């Protein structure tokens, strides 16, 4: 199974989670290695879309919200640095659409 083109990436996941410095489970420093910052959130959104499009998904688990999938691949940074990541997606139970949940270093 592959993620369709009409995937959903909520703005808050980018600007209020991934690119925010956190004391625990911080992803902003990892992403900064590839040039992703609060000043260019759209670049990260596009890189996540590109990382996921057309790749095979691995089913992880299901719950009342839907089915979670992982997609492994490279996130290409604005500075040309490539980060090996796994993105997590939820195929929503309510409408079948795929929504971005998070990413983690691979």
C-alpha atoms as a PDB file:
ATOM      1  CA  UNK A   1       0.000   0.000   0.000  1.00  0.00           C
ATOM      2  CA  UNK A   2       1.194   3.523  -0.773  1.00  0.00           C
ATOM      3  CA  UNK A   3       0.214   6.907   0.668  1.00  0.00           C
ATOM      4  CA  UNK A   4      -2.080   8.806  -1.714  1.00  0.00           C
ATOM      5  CA  UNK A   5      -1.363  12.333  -2.949  1.00  0.00           C
ATOM      6  CA  UNK A   6      -4.156  13.917  -0.880  1.00  0.00           C
ATOM      7  CA  UNK A   7      -2.336  13.338   2.404  1.00  0.00           C
ATOM      8  CA  UNK A   8      -2.857  15.757   5.302  1.00  0.00           C
ATOM      9  CA  UNK A   9      -0.038  17.468   7.204  1.00  0.00           C
ATOM     10  CA  UNK A  10      -1.478  19.714   9.939  1.00  0.00           C
ATOM     11  CA  UNK A  11       0.292  23.091  10.275  1.00  0.00           C
ATOM     12  CA  UNK A  12       0.508  22.635  14.045  1.00  0.00           C
ATOM     13  CA  UNK A  13       2.571  19.440  13.658  1.00  0.00           C
ATOM     14  CA  UNK A  14       5.218  21.439  11.826  1.00  0.00           C
ATOM     15  CA  UNK A  15       5.194  24.822  13.581  1.00  0.00           C
ATOM     16  CA  UNK A  16       4.131  23.860  17.105  1.00  0.00           C
ATOM     17  CA  UNK A  17       5.759  20.446  17.458  1.00  0.00           C
ATOM     18  CA  UNK A  18       8.560  19.411  15.090  1.00  0.00           C
ATOM     19  CA  UNK A  19      10.295  22.794  14.857  1.00  0.00           C
ATOM     20  CA  UNK A  20       9.932  23.715  18.543  1.00  0.00           C
ATOM     21  CA  UNK A  21      12.851  23.119  20.918  1.00  0.00           C
ATOM     22  CA  UNK A  22      11.742  20.706  23.653  1.00  0.00           C
ATOM     23  CA  UNK A  23      13.475  19.426  26.773  1.00  0.00           C
ATOM     24  CA  UNK A  24      12.303  15.876  25.971  1.00  0.00           C
ATOM     25  CA  UNK A  25      11.892  14.134  22.612  1.00  0.00           C
ATOM     26  CA  UNK A  26      13.215  17.182  20.769  1.00  0.00           C
ATOM     27  CA  UNK A  27      13.163  16.881  16.983  1.00  0.00           C
ATOM     28  CA  UNK A  28      14.022  20.491  16.152  1.00  0.00           C
ATOM     29  CA  UNK A  29      17.799  20.022  16.592  1.00  0.00           C
ATOM     30  CA  UNK A  30      17.746  16.910  14.422  1.00  0.00           C
ATOM     31  CA  UNK A  31      15.811  18.738  11.693  1.00  0.00           C
ATOM     32  CA  UNK A  32      18.060  21.817  11.981  1.00  0.00           C
ATOM     33  CA  UNK A  33      20.948  19.689  10.669  1.00  0.00           C
ATOM     34  CA  UNK A  34      19.148  19.749   7.312  1.00  0.00           C
ATOM     35  CA  UNK A  35      18.342  23.470   7.535  1.00  0.00           C
ATOM     36  CA  UNK A  36      14.724  23.193   8.705  1.00  0.00           C
ATOM     37  CA  UNK A  37      13.761  25.984  11.127  1.00  0.00           C
ATOM     38  CA  UNK A  38      10.767  28.036  12.261  1.00  0.00           C
ATOM     39  CA  UNK A  39      11.634  30.431   9.417  1.00  0.00           C
ATOM     40  CA  UNK A  40      10.927  27.832   6.688  1.00  0.00           C
ATOM     41  CA  UNK A  41       8.095  25.513   7.846  1.00  0.00           C
ATOM     42  CA  UNK A  42       6.800  25.054   4.277  1.00  0.00           C
ATOM     43  CA  UNK A  43      10.149  23.560   3.273  1.00  0.00           C
ATOM     44  CA  UNK A  44       9.754  20.881   5.947  1.00  0.00           C
ATOM     45  CA  UNK A  45       6.158  20.208   4.884  1.00  0.00           C
ATOM     46  CA  UNK A  46       7.268  19.693   1.285  1.00  0.00           C
ATOM     47  CA  UNK A  47      10.190  17.468   2.312  1.00  0.00           C
ATOM     48  CA  UNK A  48       7.837  15.266   4.368  1.00  0.00           C
ATOM     49  CA  UNK A  49       5.435  14.972   1.411  1.00  0.00           C
ATOM     50  CA  UNK A  50       8.277  14.014  -0.909  1.00  0.00           C
ATOM     51  CA  UNK A  51       9.672  11.512   1.610  1.00  0.00           C
ATOM     52  CA  UNK A  52       6.337   9.710   1.844  1.00  0.00           C
ATOM     53  CA  UNK A  53       4.977   9.876  -1.693  1.00  0.00           C
ATOM     54  CA  UNK A  54       5.086   6.651  -3.630  1.00  0.00           C
ATOM     55  CA  UNK A  55       6.828   4.692  -0.883  1.00  0.00           C
ATOM     56  CA  UNK A  56       5.625   1.433   0.591  1.00  0.00           C
ATOM     57  CA  UNK A  57       3.979   1.739   3.999  1.00  0.00           C
ATOM     58  CA  UNK A  58       4.371  -0.746   6.818  1.00  0.00           C
ATOM     59  CA  UNK A  59       1.302  -1.219   8.990  1.00  0.00           C
ATOM     60  CA  UNK A  60       2.119  -0.601  12.636  1.00  0.00           C
ATOM     61  CA  UNK A  61      -1.108  -0.821  14.679  1.00  0.00           C
ATOM     62  CA  UNK A  62      -4.783   0.079  14.739  1.00  0.00           C
ATOM     63  CA  UNK A  63      -7.010   1.719  17.313  1.00  0.00           C
ATOM     64  CA  UNK A  64     -10.304   3.609  17.465  1.00  0.00           C
ATOM     65  CA  UNK A  65      -8.783   6.468  15.420  1.00  0.00           C
ATOM     66  CA  UNK A  66      -7.658   4.300  12.521  1.00  0.00           C
ATOM     67  CA  UNK A  67      -4.592   2.421  11.276  1.00  0.00           C
ATOM     68  CA  UNK A  68      -1.052   3.686  11.779  1.00  0.00           C
ATOM     69  CA  UNK A  69       1.642   3.190   9.145  1.00  0.00           C
ATOM     70  CA  UNK A  70       5.362   3.872   8.934  1.00  0.00           C
ATOM     71  CA  UNK A  71       7.291   5.034   5.877  1.00  0.00           C
ATOM     72  CA  UNK A  72      11.105   4.865   5.939  1.00  0.00           C
ATOM     73  CA  UNK A  73      13.163   7.107   3.681  1.00  0.00           C
ATOM     74  CA  UNK A  74      15.332  10.164   3.272  1.00  0.00           C
ATOM     75  CA  UNK A  75      14.291  13.694   4.189  1.00  0.00           C
ATOM     76  CA  UNK A  76      16.217  16.056   1.920  1.00  0.00           C
ATOM     77  CA  UNK A  77      17.053  19.323   3.657  1.00  0.00           C
ATOM     78  CA  UNK A  78      17.091  22.848   2.292  1.00  0.00           C
ATOM     79  CA  UNK A  79      20.879  22.801   2.694  1.00  0.00           C
ATOM     80  CA  UNK A  80      21.251  19.510   0.793  1.00  0.00           C
ATOM     81  CA  UNK A  81      21.782  17.380   3.915  1.00  0.00           C
ATOM     82  CA  UNK A  82      19.846  14.121   3.835  1.00  0.00           C
ATOM     83  CA  UNK A  83      18.315  12.760   7.050  1.00  0.00           C
ATOM     84  CA  UNK A  84      17.243   9.133   7.362  1.00  0.00           C
ATOM     85  CA  UNK A  85      13.782   9.182   8.939  1.00  0.00           C
ATOM     86  CA  UNK A  86      10.643   7.186   9.535  1.00  0.00           C
ATOM     87  CA  UNK A  87       7.411   9.109   9.133  1.00  0.00           C
ATOM     88  CA  UNK A  88       4.270   7.912  10.901  1.00  0.00           C
ATOM     89  CA  UNK A  89       0.865   8.263   9.257  1.00  0.00           C
ATOM     90  CA  UNK A  90      -2.679   7.598  10.392  1.00  0.00           C
ATOM     91  CA  UNK A  91      -5.297   6.386   7.965  1.00  0.00           C
ATOM     92  CA  UNK A  92      -8.242   7.972   9.729  1.00  0.00           C
ATOM     93  CA  UNK A  93     -11.146   5.709  10.616  1.00  0.00           C
ATOM     94  CA  UNK A  94     -13.652   8.527  10.093  1.00  0.00           C
ATOM     95  CA  UNK A  95     -12.875   9.280   6.422  1.00  0.00           C
ATOM     96  CA  UNK A  96     -10.018   7.022   5.261  1.00  0.00           C
ATOM     97  CA  UNK A  97      -7.652   9.977   4.652  1.00  0.00           C
ATOM     98  CA  UNK A  98      -3.964   9.771   5.557  1.00  0.00           C
ATOM     99  CA  UNK A  99      -2.747  12.261   8.161  1.00  0.00           C
ATOM    100  CA  UNK A 100       0.850  12.885   9.243  1.00  0.00           C
ATOM    101  CA  UNK A 101       1.471  12.026  12.903  1.00  0.00           C
ATOM    102  CA  UNK A 102       5.220  12.443  13.457  1.00  0.00           C
ATOM    103  CA  UNK A 103       8.695  11.611  12.247  1.00  0.00           C
ATOM    104  CA  UNK A 104      11.676  10.092  13.994  1.00  0.00           C
ATOM    105  CA  UNK A 105      15.318   9.510  13.108  1.00  0.00           C
ATOM    106  CA  UNK A 106      15.871   6.121  11.510  1.00  0.00           C
END
